[in-house]
Amino acid sequence: IMPPLLENNRWYCLELMMDAGSAVSSDAQANGSMNMWIDGTEYGPFNNLWFRTTPSLKISIVTLGVFHHAEHAVEGTEYDNLVVSKTRVGCLNPSGVRPSPATNVRTN
């Protein structure tokens, strides 16, 4: 099932799970996986993905960004309630209602 086209001026709950799998020497041995949910609807899982050849390569950073295929809003992308966890958390605000603007934002 294909994910929906996302609309401007609407909040979405996006969840992504990634398992780097075992370090293997070829895609024939690959056992990594990814899964994603948009507003609680599952789009995946995608199995037998090849992410690494060495066991020292670990998932250790989260980078947020959006790729646009065509025209997009000049306002940019807003993020709220970012959670990084080893287990699925679920949608905190599944209604799509826009939260109040952040007043105390910190990054490390």
PDB file of N, CA and C in Angstrom:
ATOM      1  N   ILE A   1       0.848  -1.178   0.000  1.00  0.00           N
ATOM      2  CA  ILE A   1       0.000   0.000   0.000  1.00  0.00           C
ATOM      3  C   ILE A   1       0.899   1.248   0.000  1.00  0.00           C
ATOM      4  N   MET A   2       0.573   2.173  -0.862  1.00  0.00           N
ATOM      5  CA  MET A   2       1.366   3.397  -0.991  1.00  0.00           C
ATOM      6  C   MET A   2       0.938   4.426   0.046  1.00  0.00           C
ATOM      7  N   PRO A   3       1.896   5.154   0.623  1.00  0.00           N
ATOM      8  CA  PRO A   3       1.548   6.227   1.559  1.00  0.00           C
ATOM      9  C   PRO A   3       0.767   7.328   0.845  1.00  0.00           C
ATOM     10  N   PRO A   4      -0.032   8.085   1.586  1.00  0.00           N
ATOM     11  CA  PRO A   4      -0.816   9.158   0.962  1.00  0.00           C
ATOM     12  C   PRO A   4       0.065  10.350   0.609  1.00  0.00           C
ATOM     13  N   LEU A   5      -0.417  11.186  -0.299  1.00  0.00           N
ATOM     14  CA  LEU A   5       0.242  12.465  -0.544  1.00  0.00           C
ATOM     15  C   LEU A   5      -0.069  13.364   0.640  1.00  0.00           C
ATOM     16  N   LEU A   6       0.950  13.947   1.236  1.00  0.00           N
ATOM     17  CA  LEU A   6       0.749  14.790   2.403  1.00  0.00           C
ATOM     18  C   LEU A   6       0.295  16.185   1.976  1.00  0.00           C
ATOM     19  N   GLU A   7      -0.601  16.764   2.756  1.00  0.00           N
ATOM     20  CA  GLU A   7      -1.193  18.061   2.443  1.00  0.00           C
ATOM     21  C   GLU A   7      -0.507  19.169   3.234  1.00  0.00           C
ATOM     22  N   ASN A   8      -0.518  20.377   2.691  1.00  0.00           N
ATOM     23  CA  ASN A   8      -0.035  21.556   3.411  1.00  0.00           C
ATOM     24  C   ASN A   8      -1.011  21.917   4.522  1.00  0.00           C
ATOM     25  N   ASN A   9      -0.493  22.601   5.534  1.00  0.00           N
ATOM     26  CA  ASN A   9      -1.312  23.130   6.637  1.00  0.00           C
ATOM     27  C   ASN A   9      -2.077  22.050   7.380  1.00  0.00           C
ATOM     28  N   ARG A  10      -1.466  20.906   7.557  1.00  0.00           N
ATOM     29  CA  ARG A  10      -2.069  19.814   8.315  1.00  0.00           C
ATOM     30  C   ARG A  10      -0.971  19.096   9.075  1.00  0.00           C
ATOM     31  N   TRP A  11      -1.259  18.732  10.324  1.00  0.00           N
ATOM     32  CA  TRP A  11      -0.311  17.971  11.130  1.00  0.00           C
ATOM     33  C   TRP A  11      -0.501  16.487  10.856  1.00  0.00           C
ATOM     34  N   TYR A  12       0.610  15.757  10.853  1.00  0.00           N
ATOM     35  CA  TYR A  12       0.595  14.313  10.691  1.00  0.00           C
ATOM     36  C   TYR A  12       1.398  13.687  11.811  1.00  0.00           C
ATOM     37  N   CYS A  13       1.024  12.487  12.172  1.00  0.00           N
ATOM     38  CA  CYS A  13       1.831  11.678  13.083  1.00  0.00           C
ATOM     39  C   CYS A  13       2.628  10.720  12.208  1.00  0.00           C
ATOM     40  N   LEU A  14       3.944  10.904  12.150  1.00  0.00           N
ATOM     41  CA  LEU A  14       4.827  10.053  11.361  1.00  0.00           C
ATOM     42  C   LEU A  14       5.675   9.217  12.314  1.00  0.00           C
ATOM     43  N   GLU A  15       5.652   7.924  12.120  1.00  0.00           N
ATOM     44  CA  GLU A  15       6.460   7.018  12.940  1.00  0.00           C
ATOM     45  C   GLU A  15       7.319   6.170  12.014  1.00  0.00           C
ATOM     46  N   LEU A  16       8.566   5.967  12.392  1.00  0.00           N
ATOM     47  CA  LEU A  16       9.486   5.176  11.598  1.00  0.00           C
ATOM     48  C   LEU A  16      10.234   4.220  12.512  1.00  0.00           C
ATOM     49  N   MET A  17      10.297   2.962  12.114  1.00  0.00           N
ATOM     50  CA  MET A  17      11.065   1.959  12.844  1.00  0.00           C
ATOM     51  C   MET A  17      12.159   1.466  11.905  1.00  0.00           C
ATOM     52  N   MET A  18      13.372   1.371  12.422  1.00  0.00           N
ATOM     53  CA  MET A  18      14.483   0.867  11.621  1.00  0.00           C
ATOM     54  C   MET A  18      15.274  -0.142  12.428  1.00  0.00           C
ATOM     55  N   ASP A  19      15.556  -1.269  11.827  1.00  0.00           N
ATOM     56  CA  ASP A  19      16.417  -2.299  12.393  1.00  0.00           C
ATOM     57  C   ASP A  19      17.539  -2.508  11.387  1.00  0.00           C
ATOM     58  N   ALA A  20      18.766  -2.175  11.752  1.00  0.00           N
ATOM     59  CA  ALA A  20      19.894  -2.253  10.825  1.00  0.00           C
ATOM     60  C   ALA A  20      20.241  -3.687  10.451  1.00  0.00           C
ATOM     61  N   GLY A  21      19.706  -4.668  11.161  1.00  0.00           N
ATOM     62  CA  GLY A  21      19.988  -6.065  10.844  1.00  0.00           C
ATOM     63  C   GLY A  21      21.424  -6.446  11.139  1.00  0.00           C
ATOM     64  N   SER A  22      21.785  -7.619  10.705  1.00  0.00           N
ATOM     65  CA  SER A  22      23.148  -8.111  10.911  1.00  0.00           C
ATOM     66  C   SER A  22      24.100  -7.481   9.908  1.00  0.00           C
ATOM     67  N   ALA A  23      25.353  -7.374  10.294  1.00  0.00           N
ATOM     68  CA  ALA A  23      26.396  -6.928   9.363  1.00  0.00           C
ATOM     69  C   ALA A  23      26.716  -8.091   8.441  1.00  0.00           C
ATOM     70  N   VAL A  24      26.426  -7.911   7.150  1.00  0.00           N
ATOM     71  CA  VAL A  24      26.630  -8.991   6.182  1.00  0.00           C
ATOM     72  C   VAL A  24      27.372  -8.441   4.968  1.00  0.00           C
ATOM     73  N   SER A  25      27.954  -9.330   4.171  1.00  0.00           N
ATOM     74  CA  SER A  25      28.799  -8.902   3.059  1.00  0.00           C
ATOM     75  C   SER A  25      28.058  -8.705   1.738  1.00  0.00           C
ATOM     76  N   SER A  26      26.783  -9.111   1.654  1.00  0.00           N
ATOM     77  CA  SER A  26      26.053  -8.923   0.394  1.00  0.00           C
ATOM     78  C   SER A  26      24.558  -8.780   0.655  1.00  0.00           C
ATOM     79  N   ASP A  27      23.861  -8.234  -0.334  1.00  0.00           N
ATOM     80  CA  ASP A  27      22.409  -8.057  -0.191  1.00  0.00           C
ATOM     81  C   ASP A  27      21.666  -9.389  -0.148  1.00  0.00           C
ATOM     82  N   ALA A  28      22.279 -10.459  -0.618  1.00  0.00           N
ATOM     83  CA  ALA A  28      21.641 -11.773  -0.579  1.00  0.00           C
ATOM     84  C   ALA A  28      21.447 -12.251   0.863  1.00  0.00           C
ATOM     85  N   GLN A  29      22.258 -11.743   1.795  1.00  0.00           N
ATOM     86  CA  GLN A  29      22.173 -12.143   3.207  1.00  0.00           C
ATOM     87  C   GLN A  29      21.432 -11.107   4.058  1.00  0.00           C
ATOM     88  N   ALA A  30      20.964 -10.036   3.451  1.00  0.00           N
ATOM     89  CA  ALA A  30      20.399  -8.903   4.186  1.00  0.00           C
ATOM     90  C   ALA A  30      19.196  -9.285   5.039  1.00  0.00           C
ATOM     91  N   ASN A  31      19.162  -8.751   6.270  1.00  0.00           N
ATOM     92  CA  ASN A  31      18.024  -9.001   7.162  1.00  0.00           C
ATOM     93  C   ASN A  31      17.608  -7.747   7.938  1.00  0.00           C
ATOM     94  N   GLY A  32      17.953  -6.577   7.422  1.00  0.00           N
ATOM     95  CA  GLY A  32      17.499  -5.331   8.036  1.00  0.00           C
ATOM     96  C   GLY A  32      16.045  -5.071   7.678  1.00  0.00           C
ATOM     97  N   SER A  33      15.405  -4.170   8.411  1.00  0.00           N
ATOM     98  CA  SER A  33      14.001  -3.870   8.107  1.00  0.00           C
ATOM     99  C   SER A  33      13.654  -2.439   8.494  1.00  0.00           C
ATOM    100  N   MET A  34      12.617  -1.925   7.839  1.00  0.00           N
ATOM    101  CA  MET A  34      12.040  -0.619   8.162  1.00  0.00           C
ATOM    102  C   MET A  34      10.521  -0.770   8.123  1.00  0.00           C
ATOM    103  N   ASN A  35       9.861   0.031   8.930  1.00  0.00           N
ATOM    104  CA  ASN A  35       8.408   0.081   8.908  1.00  0.00           C
ATOM    105  C   ASN A  35       8.015   1.518   9.182  1.00  0.00           C
ATOM    106  N   MET A  36       6.864   1.949   8.680  1.00  0.00           N
ATOM    107  CA  MET A  36       6.416   3.302   8.961  1.00  0.00           C
ATOM    108  C   MET A  36       4.909   3.342   9.094  1.00  0.00           C
ATOM    109  N   TRP A  37       4.470   4.326   9.871  1.00  0.00           N
ATOM    110  CA  TRP A  37       3.050   4.566  10.099  1.00  0.00           C
ATOM    111  C   TRP A  37       2.789   6.054   9.883  1.00  0.00           C
ATOM    112  N   ILE A  38       1.681   6.369   9.238  1.00  0.00           N
ATOM    113  CA  ILE A  38       1.230   7.756   9.099  1.00  0.00           C
ATOM    114  C   ILE A  38      -0.158   7.814   9.697  1.00  0.00           C
ATOM    115  N   ASP A  39      -0.309   8.619  10.748  1.00  0.00           N
ATOM    116  CA  ASP A  39      -1.575   8.712  11.490  1.00  0.00           C
ATOM    117  C   ASP A  39      -2.103   7.337  11.881  1.00  0.00           C
ATOM    118  N   GLY A  40      -1.186   6.466  12.287  1.00  0.00           N
ATOM    119  CA  GLY A  40      -1.552   5.145  12.784  1.00  0.00           C
ATOM    120  C   GLY A  40      -1.754   4.084  11.721  1.00  0.00           C
ATOM    121  N   THR A  41      -1.734   4.431  10.435  1.00  0.00           N
ATOM    122  CA  THR A  41      -1.873   3.454   9.358  1.00  0.00           C
ATOM    123  C   THR A  41      -0.496   2.960   8.949  1.00  0.00           C
ATOM    124  N   GLU A  42      -0.321   1.654   8.944  1.00  0.00           N
ATOM    125  CA  GLU A  42       0.976   1.045   8.645  1.00  0.00           C
ATOM    126  C   GLU A  42       1.238   1.001   7.139  1.00  0.00           C
ATOM    127  N   TYR A  43       2.456   1.382   6.735  1.00  0.00           N
ATOM    128  CA  TYR A  43       2.924   1.300   5.356  1.00  0.00           C
ATOM    129  C   TYR A  43       4.233   0.533   5.368  1.00  0.00           C
ATOM    130  N   GLY A  44       4.156  -0.755   5.350  1.00  0.00           N
ATOM    131  CA  GLY A  44       5.311  -1.632   5.454  1.00  0.00           C
ATOM    132  C   GLY A  44       4.856  -2.940   6.066  1.00  0.00           C
ATOM    133  N   PRO A  45       5.726  -3.737   6.601  1.00  0.00           N
ATOM    134  CA  PRO A  45       7.166  -3.512   6.747  1.00  0.00           C
ATOM    135  C   PRO A  45       7.920  -3.788   5.441  1.00  0.00           C
ATOM    136  N   PHE A  46       9.133  -3.276   5.390  1.00  0.00           N
ATOM    137  CA  PHE A  46      10.039  -3.508   4.278  1.00  0.00           C
ATOM    138  C   PHE A  46      11.188  -4.331   4.848  1.00  0.00           C
ATOM    139  N   ASN A  47      11.276  -5.578   4.422  1.00  0.00           N
ATOM    140  CA  ASN A  47      12.226  -6.526   5.011  1.00  0.00           C
ATOM    141  C   ASN A  47      13.384  -6.837   4.072  1.00  0.00           C
ATOM    142  N   ASN A  48      14.380  -7.520   4.614  1.00  0.00           N
ATOM    143  CA  ASN A  48      15.564  -7.975   3.876  1.00  0.00           C
ATOM    144  C   ASN A  48      16.323  -6.807   3.245  1.00  0.00           C
ATOM    145  N   LEU A  49      16.454  -5.720   4.017  1.00  0.00           N
ATOM    146  CA  LEU A  49      17.192  -4.550   3.552  1.00  0.00           C
ATOM    147  C   LEU A  49      18.643  -4.649   4.010  1.00  0.00           C
ATOM    148  N   TRP A  50      19.549  -4.168   3.188  1.00  0.00           N
ATOM    149  CA  TRP A  50      20.981  -4.245   3.472  1.00  0.00           C
ATOM    150  C   TRP A  50      21.472  -2.871   3.888  1.00  0.00           C
ATOM    151  N   PHE A  51      21.782  -2.715   5.185  1.00  0.00           N
ATOM    152  CA  PHE A  51      22.198  -1.432   5.731  1.00  0.00           C
ATOM    153  C   PHE A  51      23.683  -1.359   6.089  1.00  0.00           C
ATOM    154  N   ARG A  52      24.326  -2.497   6.368  1.00  0.00           N
ATOM    155  CA  ARG A  52      25.703  -2.404   6.863  1.00  0.00           C
ATOM    156  C   ARG A  52      26.497  -3.672   6.588  1.00  0.00           C
ATOM    157  N   THR A  53      27.824  -3.479   6.497  1.00  0.00           N
ATOM    158  CA  THR A  53      28.742  -4.604   6.305  1.00  0.00           C
ATOM    159  C   THR A  53      29.641  -4.805   7.515  1.00  0.00           C
ATOM    160  N   THR A  54      29.596  -3.892   8.463  1.00  0.00           N
ATOM    161  CA  THR A  54      30.433  -3.996   9.659  1.00  0.00           C
ATOM    162  C   THR A  54      29.571  -3.833  10.912  1.00  0.00           C
ATOM    163  N   PRO A  55      29.802  -4.627  11.943  1.00  0.00           N
ATOM    164  CA  PRO A  55      28.993  -4.523  13.159  1.00  0.00           C
ATOM    165  C   PRO A  55      29.235  -3.238  13.946  1.00  0.00           C
ATOM    166  N   SER A  56      30.323  -2.528  13.638  1.00  0.00           N
ATOM    167  CA  SER A  56      30.588  -1.279  14.369  1.00  0.00           C
ATOM    168  C   SER A  56      29.675  -0.133  13.904  1.00  0.00           C
ATOM    169  N   LEU A  57      29.027  -0.279  12.751  1.00  0.00           N
ATOM    170  CA  LEU A  57      28.097   0.741  12.274  1.00  0.00           C
ATOM    171  C   LEU A  57      26.764   0.561  13.000  1.00  0.00           C
ATOM    172  N   LYS A  58      26.406   1.554  13.812  1.00  0.00           N
ATOM    173  CA  LYS A  58      25.180   1.501  14.623  1.00  0.00           C
ATOM    174  C   LYS A  58      24.298   2.697  14.290  1.00  0.00           C
ATOM    175  N   ILE A  59      23.010   2.586  14.574  1.00  0.00           N
ATOM    176  CA  ILE A  59      22.095   3.716  14.452  1.00  0.00           C
ATOM    177  C   ILE A  59      22.351   4.609  15.660  1.00  0.00           C
ATOM    178  N   SER A  60      22.839   5.839  15.411  1.00  0.00           N
ATOM    179  CA  SER A  60      23.216   6.688  16.532  1.00  0.00           C
ATOM    180  C   SER A  60      22.822   8.150  16.365  1.00  0.00           C
ATOM    181  N   ILE A  61      22.116   8.480  15.297  1.00  0.00           N
ATOM    182  CA  ILE A  61      21.752   9.875  15.061  1.00  0.00           C
ATOM    183  C   ILE A  61      20.405   9.934  14.344  1.00  0.00           C
ATOM    184  N   VAL A  62      19.653  10.971  14.625  1.00  0.00           N
ATOM    185  CA  VAL A  62      18.381  11.210  13.951  1.00  0.00           C
ATOM    186  C   VAL A  62      18.506  12.534  13.214  1.00  0.00           C
ATOM    187  N   THR A  63      18.197  12.548  11.933  1.00  0.00           N
ATOM    188  CA  THR A  63      18.220  13.757  11.130  1.00  0.00           C
ATOM    189  C   THR A  63      16.837  13.949  10.527  1.00  0.00           C
ATOM    190  N   LEU A  64      16.277  15.140  10.675  1.00  0.00           N
ATOM    191  CA  LEU A  64      14.953  15.428  10.137  1.00  0.00           C
ATOM    192  C   LEU A  64      15.081  16.264   8.877  1.00  0.00           C
ATOM    193  N   GLY A  65      14.338  15.903   7.861  1.00  0.00           N
ATOM    194  CA  GLY A  65      14.335  16.652   6.617  1.00  0.00           C
ATOM    195  C   GLY A  65      13.187  16.183   5.756  1.00  0.00           C
ATOM    196  N   VAL A  66      12.871  16.971   4.753  1.00  0.00           N
ATOM    197  CA  VAL A  66      11.772  16.637   3.853  1.00  0.00           C
ATOM    198  C   VAL A  66      12.269  16.793   2.428  1.00  0.00           C
ATOM    199  N   PHE A  67      11.960  15.817   1.585  1.00  0.00           N
ATOM    200  CA  PHE A  67      12.290  15.886   0.173  1.00  0.00           C
ATOM    201  C   PHE A  67      11.024  16.227  -0.587  1.00  0.00           C
ATOM    202  N   HIS A  68      11.077  17.250  -1.422  1.00  0.00           N
ATOM    203  CA  HIS A  68       9.920  17.678  -2.215  1.00  0.00           C
ATOM    204  C   HIS A  68      10.165  17.325  -3.675  1.00  0.00           C
ATOM    205  N   HIS A  69       9.196  16.662  -4.287  1.00  0.00           N
ATOM    206  CA  HIS A  69       9.301  16.297  -5.704  1.00  0.00           C
ATOM    207  C   HIS A  69       8.980  17.477  -6.620  1.00  0.00           C
ATOM    208  N   ALA A  70       8.158  18.391  -6.158  1.00  0.00           N
ATOM    209  CA  ALA A  70       7.721  19.506  -7.007  1.00  0.00           C
ATOM    210  C   ALA A  70       7.626  20.762  -6.150  1.00  0.00           C
ATOM    211  N   GLU A  71       6.636  21.589  -6.416  1.00  0.00           N
ATOM    212  CA  GLU A  71       6.466  22.818  -5.652  1.00  0.00           C
ATOM    213  C   GLU A  71       6.122  22.496  -4.201  1.00  0.00           C
ATOM    214  N   HIS A  72       6.540  23.372  -3.308  1.00  0.00           N
ATOM    215  CA  HIS A  72       6.244  23.183  -1.898  1.00  0.00           C
ATOM    216  C   HIS A  72       6.091  24.544  -1.226  1.00  0.00           C
ATOM    217  N   ALA A  73       5.536  24.530  -0.036  1.00  0.00           N
ATOM    218  CA  ALA A  73       5.305  25.779   0.702  1.00  0.00           C
ATOM    219  C   ALA A  73       6.629  26.426   1.078  1.00  0.00           C
ATOM    220  N   VAL A  74       6.684  27.729   1.018  1.00  0.00           N
ATOM    221  CA  VAL A  74       7.903  28.452   1.372  1.00  0.00           C
ATOM    222  C   VAL A  74       8.072  28.552   2.883  1.00  0.00           C
ATOM    223  N   GLU A  75       7.020  28.250   3.638  1.00  0.00           N
ATOM    224  CA  GLU A  75       7.076  28.362   5.096  1.00  0.00           C
ATOM    225  C   GLU A  75       7.996  27.325   5.725  1.00  0.00           C
ATOM    226  N   GLY A  76       8.234  26.222   5.062  1.00  0.00           N
ATOM    227  CA  GLY A  76       9.082  25.182   5.622  1.00  0.00           C
ATOM    228  C   GLY A  76       8.277  24.078   6.271  1.00  0.00           C
ATOM    229  N   THR A  77       8.928  23.334   7.136  1.00  0.00           N
ATOM    230  CA  THR A  77       8.313  22.198   7.813  1.00  0.00           C
ATOM    231  C   THR A  77       8.426  22.410   9.306  1.00  0.00           C
ATOM    232  N   GLU A  78       7.355  22.136  10.033  1.00  0.00           N
ATOM    233  CA  GLU A  78       7.354  22.265  11.494  1.00  0.00           C
ATOM    234  C   GLU A  78       7.304  20.880  12.115  1.00  0.00           C
ATOM    235  N   TYR A  79       8.022  20.710  13.223  1.00  0.00           N
ATOM    236  CA  TYR A  79       8.035  19.455  13.968  1.00  0.00           C
ATOM    237  C   TYR A  79       7.583  19.744  15.394  1.00  0.00           C
ATOM    238  N   ASP A  80       6.844  18.814  15.961  1.00  0.00           N
ATOM    239  CA  ASP A  80       6.402  18.954  17.340  1.00  0.00           C
ATOM    240  C   ASP A  80       6.349  17.560  17.955  1.00  0.00           C
ATOM    241  N   ASN A  81       6.654  17.470  19.238  1.00  0.00           N
ATOM    242  CA  ASN A  81       6.583  16.200  19.979  1.00  0.00           C
ATOM    243  C   ASN A  81       7.448  15.107  19.351  1.00  0.00           C
ATOM    244  N   LEU A  82       8.709  15.411  19.105  1.00  0.00           N
ATOM    245  CA  LEU A  82       9.645  14.427  18.574  1.00  0.00           C
ATOM    246  C   LEU A  82      10.049  13.474  19.690  1.00  0.00           C
ATOM    247  N   VAL A  83       9.933  12.180  19.412  1.00  0.00           N
ATOM    248  CA  VAL A  83      10.295  11.153  20.386  1.00  0.00           C
ATOM    249  C   VAL A  83      11.231  10.161  19.703  1.00  0.00           C
ATOM    250  N   VAL A  84      12.334   9.824  20.352  1.00  0.00           N
ATOM    251  CA  VAL A  84      13.223   8.771  19.886  1.00  0.00           C
ATOM    252  C   VAL A  84      13.181   7.690  20.949  1.00  0.00           C
ATOM    253  N   SER A  85      12.855   6.478  20.537  1.00  0.00           N
ATOM    254  CA  SER A  85      12.634   5.402  21.495  1.00  0.00           C
ATOM    255  C   SER A  85      13.031   4.066  20.886  1.00  0.00           C
ATOM    256  N   LYS A  86      13.265   3.069  21.734  1.00  0.00           N
ATOM    257  CA  LYS A  86      13.541   1.720  21.257  1.00  0.00           C
ATOM    258  C   LYS A  86      12.261   0.914  21.041  1.00  0.00           C
ATOM    259  N   THR A  87      11.119   1.482  21.441  1.00  0.00           N
ATOM    260  CA  THR A  87       9.826   0.824  21.224  1.00  0.00           C
ATOM    261  C   THR A  87       8.853   1.834  20.622  1.00  0.00           C
ATOM    262  N   ARG A  88       7.835   1.345  19.960  1.00  0.00           N
ATOM    263  CA  ARG A  88       6.848   2.221  19.324  1.00  0.00           C
ATOM    264  C   ARG A  88       6.056   2.978  20.384  1.00  0.00           C
ATOM    265  N   VAL A  89       5.905   4.287  20.207  1.00  0.00           N
ATOM    266  CA  VAL A  89       5.207   5.146  21.156  1.00  0.00           C
ATOM    267  C   VAL A  89       3.766   5.371  20.727  1.00  0.00           C
ATOM    268  N   GLY A  90       3.530   5.524  19.445  1.00  0.00           N
ATOM    269  CA  GLY A  90       2.189   5.799  18.935  1.00  0.00           C
ATOM    270  C   GLY A  90       1.956   7.295  18.806  1.00  0.00           C
ATOM    271  N   CYS A  91       0.816   7.648  18.267  1.00  0.00           N
ATOM    272  CA  CYS A  91       0.487   9.056  18.017  1.00  0.00           C
ATOM    273  C   CYS A  91       0.021   9.724  19.298  1.00  0.00           C
ATOM    274  N   LEU A  92       0.629  10.867  19.614  1.00  0.00           N
ATOM    275  CA  LEU A  92       0.248  11.614  20.807  1.00  0.00           C
ATOM    276  C   LEU A  92      -0.950  12.502  20.551  1.00  0.00           C
ATOM    277  N   ASN A  93      -1.124  12.947  19.295  1.00  0.00           N
ATOM    278  CA  ASN A  93      -2.230  13.833  18.927  1.00  0.00           C
ATOM    279  C   ASN A  93      -2.769  13.368  17.579  1.00  0.00           C
ATOM    280  N   PRO A  94      -3.538  12.265  17.554  1.00  0.00           N
ATOM    281  CA  PRO A  94      -3.955  11.686  16.278  1.00  0.00           C
ATOM    282  C   PRO A  94      -5.012  12.481  15.526  1.00  0.00           C
ATOM    283  N   SER A  95      -5.510  13.577  16.077  1.00  0.00           N
ATOM    284  CA  SER A  95      -6.599  14.308  15.438  1.00  0.00           C
ATOM    285  C   SER A  95      -6.153  15.218  14.313  1.00  0.00           C
ATOM    286  N   GLY A  96      -4.847  15.477  14.164  1.00  0.00           N
ATOM    287  CA  GLY A  96      -4.367  16.390  13.140  1.00  0.00           C
ATOM    288  C   GLY A  96      -4.536  17.853  13.522  1.00  0.00           C
ATOM    289  N   VAL A  97      -4.969  18.126  14.752  1.00  0.00           N
ATOM    290  CA  VAL A  97      -5.166  19.500  15.211  1.00  0.00           C
ATOM    291  C   VAL A  97      -3.817  20.150  15.442  1.00  0.00           C
ATOM    292  N   ARG A  98      -3.658  21.368  14.980  1.00  0.00           N
ATOM    293  CA  ARG A  98      -2.392  22.085  15.124  1.00  0.00           C
ATOM    294  C   ARG A  98      -2.150  22.430  16.589  1.00  0.00           C
ATOM    295  N   PRO A  99      -1.005  22.022  17.161  1.00  0.00           N
ATOM    296  CA  PRO A  99      -0.706  22.374  18.550  1.00  0.00           C
ATOM    297  C   PRO A  99      -0.314  23.837  18.681  1.00  0.00           C
ATOM    298  N   SER A 100      -0.296  24.324  19.888  1.00  0.00           N
ATOM    299  CA  SER A 100       0.155  25.692  20.145  1.00  0.00           C
ATOM    300  C   SER A 100       1.627  25.819  19.792  1.00  0.00           C
ATOM    301  N   PRO A 101       2.082  27.005  19.371  1.00  0.00           N
ATOM    302  CA  PRO A 101       3.491  27.188  19.039  1.00  0.00           C
ATOM    303  C   PRO A 101       4.392  26.898  20.248  1.00  0.00           C
ATOM    304  N   ALA A 102       5.563  26.360  19.983  1.00  0.00           N
ATOM    305  CA  ALA A 102       6.523  26.065  21.041  1.00  0.00           C
ATOM    306  C   ALA A 102       7.035  27.362  21.668  1.00  0.00           C
ATOM    307  N   THR A 103       7.224  27.343  22.970  1.00  0.00           N
ATOM    308  CA  THR A 103       7.724  28.544  23.657  1.00  0.00           C
ATOM    309  C   THR A 103       9.079  28.309  24.296  1.00  0.00           C
ATOM    310  N   ASN A 104       9.478  27.067  24.518  1.00  0.00           N
ATOM    311  CA  ASN A 104      10.742  26.765  25.189  1.00  0.00           C
ATOM    312  C   ASN A 104      11.454  25.676  24.411  1.00  0.00           C
ATOM    313  N   VAL A 105      12.123  26.040  23.313  1.00  0.00           N
ATOM    314  CA  VAL A 105      12.755  25.066  22.423  1.00  0.00           C
ATOM    315  C   VAL A 105      14.253  25.039  22.688  1.00  0.00           C
ATOM    316  N   ARG A 106      14.786  23.811  22.860  1.00  0.00           N
ATOM    317  CA  ARG A 106      16.224  23.609  23.059  1.00  0.00           C
ATOM    318  C   ARG A 106      16.707  22.510  22.115  1.00  0.00           C
ATOM    319  N   THR A 107      17.908  22.638  21.656  1.00  0.00           N
ATOM    320  CA  THR A 107      18.542  21.565  20.901  1.00  0.00           C
ATOM    321  C   THR A 107      19.911  21.323  21.494  1.00  0.00           C
ATOM    322  N   ASN A 108      20.380  20.121  21.381  1.00  0.00           N
ATOM    323  CA  ASN A 108      21.713  19.758  21.879  1.00  0.00           C
ATOM    324  C   ASN A 108      22.572  19.313  20.721  1.00  0.00           C
TER     325      ASN A 108
END
